[in-house]
Amino acid sequence: MAAHPFHAVADLAAHQGMDQLALTVADNGAYVRLVQQDPPLFFKYKADPSHPLDRADLHNFKRLTLSEEDCSNGPEATLALIKMLLEKFADYQPKR
């Protein structure tokens, strides 16, 4: 089984000093998300199933789904896309 693309993206982000973008893994690797606290966003890989943790732990976060195509050009390209989305949604505030 191929490694989840978010693992390499998280490693690259950490190497680049993006300390607010965190890899969240649960259920023995069945649940993988990239989570940014400020702004409150999380990234889900489209091929991954929905999970109750999204609703329980990330209900005030905006979900951004990355397609297989978005992640197909390696972690550098995926991280560049994530950086662009973080900038685009920099002012996101959850609805209360």
C-alpha atoms as a PDB file:
ATOM      1  CA  MET A   1       0.000   0.000   0.000  1.00  0.00           C
ATOM      2  CA  ALA A   2       1.365   3.411  -0.967  1.00  0.00           C
ATOM      3  CA  ALA A   3       2.065   5.944   1.762  1.00  0.00           C
ATOM      4  CA  HIS A   4      -0.567   8.611   2.276  1.00  0.00           C
ATOM      5  CA  PRO A   5       0.541  11.758   0.394  1.00  0.00           C
ATOM      6  CA  PHE A   6      -0.021  13.994   3.427  1.00  0.00           C
ATOM      7  CA  HIS A   7       2.878  12.393   5.335  1.00  0.00           C
ATOM      8  CA  ALA A   8       5.462  13.696   2.854  1.00  0.00           C
ATOM      9  CA  VAL A   9       3.702  17.071   2.660  1.00  0.00           C
ATOM     10  CA  ALA A  10       3.779  17.404   6.464  1.00  0.00           C
ATOM     11  CA  ASP A  11       7.482  16.510   6.556  1.00  0.00           C
ATOM     12  CA  LEU A  12       8.247  19.122   3.907  1.00  0.00           C
ATOM     13  CA  ALA A  13       6.122  21.748   5.674  1.00  0.00           C
ATOM     14  CA  ALA A  14       7.968  21.101   8.952  1.00  0.00           C
ATOM     15  CA  HIS A  15      11.307  21.343   7.143  1.00  0.00           C
ATOM     16  CA  GLN A  16      10.206  24.730   5.758  1.00  0.00           C
ATOM     17  CA  GLY A  17       9.232  25.987   9.209  1.00  0.00           C
ATOM     18  CA  MET A  18       5.472  25.805   8.732  1.00  0.00           C
ATOM     19  CA  ASP A  19       4.920  24.847  12.351  1.00  0.00           C
ATOM     20  CA  GLN A  20       1.175  25.587  12.367  1.00  0.00           C
ATOM     21  CA  LEU A  21       0.400  22.936   9.740  1.00  0.00           C
ATOM     22  CA  ALA A  22       0.145  19.660  11.638  1.00  0.00           C
ATOM     23  CA  LEU A  23      -0.393  16.103  10.518  1.00  0.00           C
ATOM     24  CA  THR A  24      -3.171  14.382  12.457  1.00  0.00           C
ATOM     25  CA  VAL A  25      -3.294  10.592  12.274  1.00  0.00           C
ATOM     26  CA  ALA A  26      -5.744   8.308  14.101  1.00  0.00           C
ATOM     27  CA  ASP A  27      -7.262   4.847  13.862  1.00  0.00           C
ATOM     28  CA  ASN A  28      -3.952   3.167  13.004  1.00  0.00           C
ATOM     29  CA  GLY A  29      -3.478   5.439  10.003  1.00  0.00           C
ATOM     30  CA  ALA A  30      -7.002   5.168   8.605  1.00  0.00           C
ATOM     31  CA  TYR A  31      -7.605   8.836   9.491  1.00  0.00           C
ATOM     32  CA  VAL A  32      -5.108  11.361   8.090  1.00  0.00           C
ATOM     33  CA  ARG A  33      -5.648  15.116   7.955  1.00  0.00           C
ATOM     34  CA  LEU A  34      -3.493  18.217   7.718  1.00  0.00           C
ATOM     35  CA  VAL A  35      -4.715  20.757  10.258  1.00  0.00           C
ATOM     36  CA  GLN A  36      -3.970  24.480  10.513  1.00  0.00           C
ATOM     37  CA  GLN A  37      -5.135  26.218  13.704  1.00  0.00           C
ATOM     38  CA  ASP A  38      -4.981  29.814  12.442  1.00  0.00           C
ATOM     39  CA  PRO A  39      -6.871  30.186  10.227  1.00  0.00           C
ATOM     40  CA  PRO A  40      -8.933  27.165  11.330  1.00  0.00           C
ATOM     41  CA  LEU A  41      -8.674  24.962   8.254  1.00  0.00           C
ATOM     42  CA  PHE A  42      -8.135  21.289   7.648  1.00  0.00           C
ATOM     43  CA  PHE A  43      -7.188  19.434   4.524  1.00  0.00           C
ATOM     44  CA  LYS A  44      -8.776  16.114   3.609  1.00  0.00           C
ATOM     45  CA  TYR A  45      -7.561  13.862   0.818  1.00  0.00           C
ATOM     46  CA  LYS A  46     -10.556  13.162  -1.433  1.00  0.00           C
ATOM     47  CA  ALA A  47      -9.820   9.415  -1.571  1.00  0.00           C
ATOM     48  CA  ASP A  48     -10.086   9.194   2.229  1.00  0.00           C
ATOM     49  CA  PRO A  49     -13.452   8.383   3.768  1.00  0.00           C
ATOM     50  CA  SER A  50     -15.326  10.808   5.975  1.00  0.00           C
ATOM     51  CA  HIS A  51     -14.679  10.270   9.662  1.00  0.00           C
ATOM     52  CA  PRO A  52     -16.501  11.172  12.896  1.00  0.00           C
ATOM     53  CA  LEU A  53     -13.355  12.961  14.141  1.00  0.00           C
ATOM     54  CA  ASP A  54     -13.954  15.643  11.517  1.00  0.00           C
ATOM     55  CA  ARG A  55     -17.291  16.509  13.116  1.00  0.00           C
ATOM     56  CA  ALA A  56     -16.141  15.965  16.705  1.00  0.00           C
ATOM     57  CA  ASP A  57     -12.764  17.720  16.685  1.00  0.00           C
ATOM     58  CA  LEU A  58     -12.869  19.989  13.635  1.00  0.00           C
ATOM     59  CA  HIS A  59     -16.478  21.184  13.516  1.00  0.00           C
ATOM     60  CA  ASN A  60     -15.416  24.860  13.633  1.00  0.00           C
ATOM     61  CA  PHE A  61     -12.785  24.378  10.936  1.00  0.00           C
ATOM     62  CA  LYS A  62     -13.234  24.853   7.204  1.00  0.00           C
ATOM     63  CA  ARG A  63     -12.631  21.627   5.300  1.00  0.00           C
ATOM     64  CA  LEU A  64     -10.639  21.855   2.082  1.00  0.00           C
ATOM     65  CA  THR A  65     -10.545  18.692   0.029  1.00  0.00           C
ATOM     66  CA  LEU A  66      -7.533  17.889  -2.127  1.00  0.00           C
ATOM     67  CA  SER A  67      -8.079  15.568  -5.076  1.00  0.00           C
ATOM     68  CA  GLU A  68      -5.790  12.782  -6.188  1.00  0.00           C
ATOM     69  CA  GLU A  69      -4.756  15.089  -9.048  1.00  0.00           C
ATOM     70  CA  ASP A  70      -3.913  17.850  -6.536  1.00  0.00           C
ATOM     71  CA  CYS A  71      -1.521  15.433  -4.807  1.00  0.00           C
ATOM     72  CA  SER A  72      -0.148  13.657  -7.894  1.00  0.00           C
ATOM     73  CA  ASN A  73       2.847  15.928  -8.606  1.00  0.00           C
ATOM     74  CA  GLY A  74       4.721  15.310  -5.379  1.00  0.00           C
ATOM     75  CA  PRO A  75       4.821  16.971  -1.978  1.00  0.00           C
ATOM     76  CA  GLU A  76       6.388  20.207  -3.237  1.00  0.00           C
ATOM     77  CA  ALA A  77       3.497  20.895  -5.615  1.00  0.00           C
ATOM     78  CA  THR A  78       0.920  19.844  -3.031  1.00  0.00           C
ATOM     79  CA  LEU A  79       2.471  22.085  -0.395  1.00  0.00           C
ATOM     80  CA  ALA A  80       2.523  25.000  -2.865  1.00  0.00           C
ATOM     81  CA  LEU A  81      -1.227  24.477  -3.388  1.00  0.00           C
ATOM     82  CA  ILE A  82      -1.796  24.329   0.368  1.00  0.00           C
ATOM     83  CA  LYS A  83       0.159  27.569   0.860  1.00  0.00           C
ATOM     84  CA  MET A  84      -1.984  29.251  -1.791  1.00  0.00           C
ATOM     85  CA  LEU A  85      -5.165  28.015  -0.080  1.00  0.00           C
ATOM     86  CA  LEU A  86      -3.916  29.144   3.337  1.00  0.00           C
ATOM     87  CA  GLU A  87      -3.381  32.599   1.892  1.00  0.00           C
ATOM     88  CA  LYS A  88      -6.771  32.589   0.160  1.00  0.00           C
ATOM     89  CA  PHE A  89      -8.565  31.652   3.383  1.00  0.00           C
ATOM     90  CA  ALA A  90      -6.319  33.655   5.753  1.00  0.00           C
ATOM     91  CA  ASP A  91      -9.286  35.677   7.017  1.00  0.00           C
ATOM     92  CA  TYR A  92     -11.607  32.690   7.507  1.00  0.00           C
ATOM     93  CA  GLN A  93     -13.592  32.811  10.727  1.00  0.00           C
ATOM     94  CA  PRO A  94     -15.885  29.965  11.756  1.00  0.00           C
ATOM     95  CA  LYS A  95     -19.589  30.668  11.882  1.00  0.00           C
ATOM     96  CA  ARG A  96     -20.685  30.692  15.499  1.00  0.00           C
END
